[in-house]
């Protein structure tokens, strides 16, 4: 599913087509709150290190999965993401997972993100479970 990144001087927002969800990354220099209430996307703060945006996330609830295969995590999950622009349309995204309740040591993955010339759409799975292909307008 596509997503869109919107950046201002103090906030970066990631708008997901899937389920119309969004994620906020505060980039105004604030720290994490002392008492974070666990949420689906947690509390994310970001800062620039050269050409790389480093996002630190805590306060994730334990009701999400790390992937579509159902790999779980605890409420102690701490994420550090690095978004590094590698070309006009390319970002190298590295995520480090640190969860002492589930894993013996932190581990990382790196994936490419490539700009697609598309717009996020209104997503709905309530229409008789039709997928996105069936929700597109027919060409006239």
C-alpha atoms as a PDB file:
ATOM      1  CA  UNK A   1       0.000   0.000   0.000  1.00  0.00           C
ATOM      2  CA  UNK A   2       1.310   3.469  -0.810  1.00  0.00           C
ATOM      3  CA  UNK A   3       2.084   6.128   1.766  1.00  0.00           C
ATOM      4  CA  UNK A   4       2.895   9.815   1.650  1.00  0.00           C
ATOM      5  CA  UNK A   5       5.473  11.722   3.695  1.00  0.00           C
ATOM      6  CA  UNK A   6       4.638  15.325   4.597  1.00  0.00           C
ATOM      7  CA  UNK A   7       7.376  17.405   6.211  1.00  0.00           C
ATOM      8  CA  UNK A   8       7.279  20.744   8.036  1.00  0.00           C
ATOM      9  CA  UNK A   9      10.054  22.309  10.158  1.00  0.00           C
ATOM     10  CA  UNK A  10       8.639  20.777  13.373  1.00  0.00           C
ATOM     11  CA  UNK A  11       6.697  17.658  12.323  1.00  0.00           C
ATOM     12  CA  UNK A  12       6.984  14.869   9.806  1.00  0.00           C
ATOM     13  CA  UNK A  13       3.746  13.019   9.065  1.00  0.00           C
ATOM     14  CA  UNK A  14       3.492   9.682   7.303  1.00  0.00           C
ATOM     15  CA  UNK A  15       0.047   9.172   5.789  1.00  0.00           C
ATOM     16  CA  UNK A  16      -0.784   5.548   5.029  1.00  0.00           C
ATOM     17  CA  UNK A  17      -3.378   4.550   2.457  1.00  0.00           C
ATOM     18  CA  UNK A  18      -4.003   1.321   4.359  1.00  0.00           C
ATOM     19  CA  UNK A  19      -6.836   1.908   6.826  1.00  0.00           C
ATOM     20  CA  UNK A  20      -6.342   5.700   6.523  1.00  0.00           C
ATOM     21  CA  UNK A  21      -3.822   5.735   9.356  1.00  0.00           C
ATOM     22  CA  UNK A  22      -1.088   8.248  10.024  1.00  0.00           C
ATOM     23  CA  UNK A  23       2.079   8.530  12.044  1.00  0.00           C
ATOM     24  CA  UNK A  24       3.525  11.701  13.554  1.00  0.00           C
ATOM     25  CA  UNK A  25       7.274  12.225  14.074  1.00  0.00           C
ATOM     26  CA  UNK A  26       8.070  15.350  16.089  1.00  0.00           C
ATOM     27  CA  UNK A  27      11.225  17.045  14.796  1.00  0.00           C
ATOM     28  CA  UNK A  28      11.159  20.160  16.987  1.00  0.00           C
ATOM     29  CA  UNK A  29      13.848  19.016  19.433  1.00  0.00           C
ATOM     30  CA  UNK A  30      11.537  17.693  22.144  1.00  0.00           C
ATOM     31  CA  UNK A  31      12.261  14.583  24.213  1.00  0.00           C
ATOM     32  CA  UNK A  32       9.967  11.622  24.801  1.00  0.00           C
ATOM     33  CA  UNK A  33       7.438  12.220  27.603  1.00  0.00           C
ATOM     34  CA  UNK A  34       8.402  10.659  30.944  1.00  0.00           C
ATOM     35  CA  UNK A  35       5.169   8.642  31.183  1.00  0.00           C
ATOM     36  CA  UNK A  36       4.330   7.489  27.655  1.00  0.00           C
ATOM     37  CA  UNK A  37       0.914   5.913  27.204  1.00  0.00           C
ATOM     38  CA  UNK A  38       1.382   2.922  24.865  1.00  0.00           C
ATOM     39  CA  UNK A  39      -0.255   3.456  21.459  1.00  0.00           C
ATOM     40  CA  UNK A  40      -0.308   1.725  18.061  1.00  0.00           C
ATOM     41  CA  UNK A  41       2.465   3.911  16.587  1.00  0.00           C
ATOM     42  CA  UNK A  42       4.157   4.941  19.839  1.00  0.00           C
ATOM     43  CA  UNK A  43       5.893   8.253  20.486  1.00  0.00           C
ATOM     44  CA  UNK A  44       8.349   9.208  17.743  1.00  0.00           C
ATOM     45  CA  UNK A  45      10.941  11.979  17.795  1.00  0.00           C
ATOM     46  CA  UNK A  46      13.292  12.691  14.935  1.00  0.00           C
ATOM     47  CA  UNK A  47      16.478  14.611  14.316  1.00  0.00           C
ATOM     48  CA  UNK A  48      18.728  15.154  11.344  1.00  0.00           C
ATOM     49  CA  UNK A  49      22.243  13.722  11.334  1.00  0.00           C
ATOM     50  CA  UNK A  50      23.685  15.087   8.112  1.00  0.00           C
ATOM     51  CA  UNK A  51      21.553  13.746   5.241  1.00  0.00           C
ATOM     52  CA  UNK A  52      19.868  11.118   7.439  1.00  0.00           C
ATOM     53  CA  UNK A  53      16.679  11.521   9.464  1.00  0.00           C
ATOM     54  CA  UNK A  54      16.997   9.428  12.646  1.00  0.00           C
ATOM     55  CA  UNK A  55      13.665   8.555  14.286  1.00  0.00           C
ATOM     56  CA  UNK A  56      13.526   7.191  17.846  1.00  0.00           C
ATOM     57  CA  UNK A  57      10.250   5.505  18.852  1.00  0.00           C
ATOM     58  CA  UNK A  58       9.113   4.201  22.242  1.00  0.00           C
ATOM     59  CA  UNK A  59       5.700   3.658  23.815  1.00  0.00           C
ATOM     60  CA  UNK A  60       4.379   1.097  21.349  1.00  0.00           C
ATOM     61  CA  UNK A  61       1.653  -1.148  22.681  1.00  0.00           C
ATOM     62  CA  UNK A  62       2.110  -4.922  22.466  1.00  0.00           C
ATOM     63  CA  UNK A  63      -0.906  -5.440  20.191  1.00  0.00           C
ATOM     64  CA  UNK A  64       0.847  -4.904  16.848  1.00  0.00           C
ATOM     65  CA  UNK A  65       3.040  -7.147  14.745  1.00  0.00           C
ATOM     66  CA  UNK A  66       6.491  -6.454  13.346  1.00  0.00           C
ATOM     67  CA  UNK A  67       5.395  -7.764   9.941  1.00  0.00           C
ATOM     68  CA  UNK A  68       2.516  -9.379   8.079  1.00  0.00           C
ATOM     69  CA  UNK A  69       3.725 -12.838   9.195  1.00  0.00           C
ATOM     70  CA  UNK A  70       2.627 -12.090  12.759  1.00  0.00           C
ATOM     71  CA  UNK A  71       5.968 -11.687  14.526  1.00  0.00           C
ATOM     72  CA  UNK A  72       5.162 -10.188  17.896  1.00  0.00           C
ATOM     73  CA  UNK A  73       6.878  -7.770  20.245  1.00  0.00           C
ATOM     74  CA  UNK A  74       6.378  -6.504  23.780  1.00  0.00           C
ATOM     75  CA  UNK A  75       5.520  -3.077  25.129  1.00  0.00           C
ATOM     76  CA  UNK A  76       9.286  -2.636  25.677  1.00  0.00           C
ATOM     77  CA  UNK A  77       9.998  -2.404  21.939  1.00  0.00           C
ATOM     78  CA  UNK A  78      12.312   0.479  21.076  1.00  0.00           C
ATOM     79  CA  UNK A  79      12.775   1.369  17.399  1.00  0.00           C
ATOM     80  CA  UNK A  80      15.481   3.464  15.801  1.00  0.00           C
ATOM     81  CA  UNK A  81      14.870   4.213  12.132  1.00  0.00           C
ATOM     82  CA  UNK A  82      17.222   5.886   9.703  1.00  0.00           C
ATOM     83  CA  UNK A  83      15.877   7.455   6.521  1.00  0.00           C
ATOM     84  CA  UNK A  84      18.754   8.319   4.182  1.00  0.00           C
ATOM     85  CA  UNK A  85      18.116   9.826   0.765  1.00  0.00           C
ATOM     86  CA  UNK A  86      20.264   7.946  -1.749  1.00  0.00           C
ATOM     87  CA  UNK A  87      18.909   9.414  -4.984  1.00  0.00           C
ATOM     88  CA  UNK A  88      16.215  11.718  -6.354  1.00  0.00           C
ATOM     89  CA  UNK A  89      13.561   9.054  -5.835  1.00  0.00           C
ATOM     90  CA  UNK A  90      15.231   6.675  -3.380  1.00  0.00           C
ATOM     91  CA  UNK A  91      15.568   6.359   0.395  1.00  0.00           C
ATOM     92  CA  UNK A  92      17.486   3.727   2.324  1.00  0.00           C
ATOM     93  CA  UNK A  93      15.373   2.821   5.385  1.00  0.00           C
ATOM     94  CA  UNK A  94      17.132   1.023   8.228  1.00  0.00           C
ATOM     95  CA  UNK A  95      15.217  -0.078  11.329  1.00  0.00           C
ATOM     96  CA  UNK A  96      16.828  -1.364  14.510  1.00  0.00           C
ATOM     97  CA  UNK A  97      14.542  -3.373  16.795  1.00  0.00           C
ATOM     98  CA  UNK A  98      15.409  -3.547  20.480  1.00  0.00           C
ATOM     99  CA  UNK A  99      13.005  -5.559  22.641  1.00  0.00           C
ATOM    100  CA  UNK A 100      14.637  -7.273  25.640  1.00  0.00           C
ATOM    101  CA  UNK A 101      11.459  -9.272  26.401  1.00  0.00           C
ATOM    102  CA  UNK A 102      11.398 -10.918  22.941  1.00  0.00           C
ATOM    103  CA  UNK A 103      14.946 -10.835  21.579  1.00  0.00           C
ATOM    104  CA  UNK A 104      18.358 -11.527  23.103  1.00  0.00           C
ATOM    105  CA  UNK A 105      19.937  -8.566  21.304  1.00  0.00           C
ATOM    106  CA  UNK A 106      18.942  -5.704  19.002  1.00  0.00           C
ATOM    107  CA  UNK A 107      18.682  -6.525  15.295  1.00  0.00           C
ATOM    108  CA  UNK A 108      18.262  -4.445  12.136  1.00  0.00           C
ATOM    109  CA  UNK A 109      16.841  -4.584   8.637  1.00  0.00           C
ATOM    110  CA  UNK A 110      17.464  -2.280   5.685  1.00  0.00           C
ATOM    111  CA  UNK A 111      14.945  -1.813   2.895  1.00  0.00           C
ATOM    112  CA  UNK A 112      14.785   0.509  -0.098  1.00  0.00           C
ATOM    113  CA  UNK A 113      11.939   2.977  -0.490  1.00  0.00           C
ATOM    114  CA  UNK A 114      11.345   4.263  -4.031  1.00  0.00           C
ATOM    115  CA  UNK A 115       9.082   7.177  -4.905  1.00  0.00           C
ATOM    116  CA  UNK A 116       6.094   6.114  -6.933  1.00  0.00           C
ATOM    117  CA  UNK A 117       4.198   8.528  -9.103  1.00  0.00           C
ATOM    118  CA  UNK A 118       0.869   7.811  -7.469  1.00  0.00           C
ATOM    119  CA  UNK A 119      -1.494   9.302  -4.928  1.00  0.00           C
ATOM    120  CA  UNK A 120      -2.766   7.654  -1.803  1.00  0.00           C
ATOM    121  CA  UNK A 121      -6.419   6.738  -2.198  1.00  0.00           C
ATOM    122  CA  UNK A 122      -9.349   6.270   0.094  1.00  0.00           C
ATOM    123  CA  UNK A 123      -9.005   2.713   1.390  1.00  0.00           C
ATOM    124  CA  UNK A 124     -11.933   0.533   2.328  1.00  0.00           C
ATOM    125  CA  UNK A 125     -12.211  -3.185   2.967  1.00  0.00           C
ATOM    126  CA  UNK A 126     -15.885  -3.028   3.900  1.00  0.00           C
ATOM    127  CA  UNK A 127     -17.180  -3.239   0.341  1.00  0.00           C
ATOM    128  CA  UNK A 128     -17.624  -7.011   0.147  1.00  0.00           C
ATOM    129  CA  UNK A 129     -13.884  -7.439   0.716  1.00  0.00           C
ATOM    130  CA  UNK A 130     -13.013  -5.983  -2.692  1.00  0.00           C
ATOM    131  CA  UNK A 131      -9.368  -5.164  -3.133  1.00  0.00           C
ATOM    132  CA  UNK A 132      -7.890  -1.932  -4.462  1.00  0.00           C
ATOM    133  CA  UNK A 133      -8.033  -3.045  -8.071  1.00  0.00           C
ATOM    134  CA  UNK A 134     -11.809  -3.246  -7.856  1.00  0.00           C
ATOM    135  CA  UNK A 135     -12.081   0.196  -6.253  1.00  0.00           C
ATOM    136  CA  UNK A 136     -10.329   2.067  -9.082  1.00  0.00           C
ATOM    137  CA  UNK A 137     -12.411   4.097 -11.469  1.00  0.00           C
ATOM    138  CA  UNK A 138     -12.939   2.545 -14.865  1.00  0.00           C
ATOM    139  CA  UNK A 139     -11.349   4.408 -17.796  1.00  0.00           C
ATOM    140  CA  UNK A 140     -13.886   6.057 -20.040  1.00  0.00           C
END
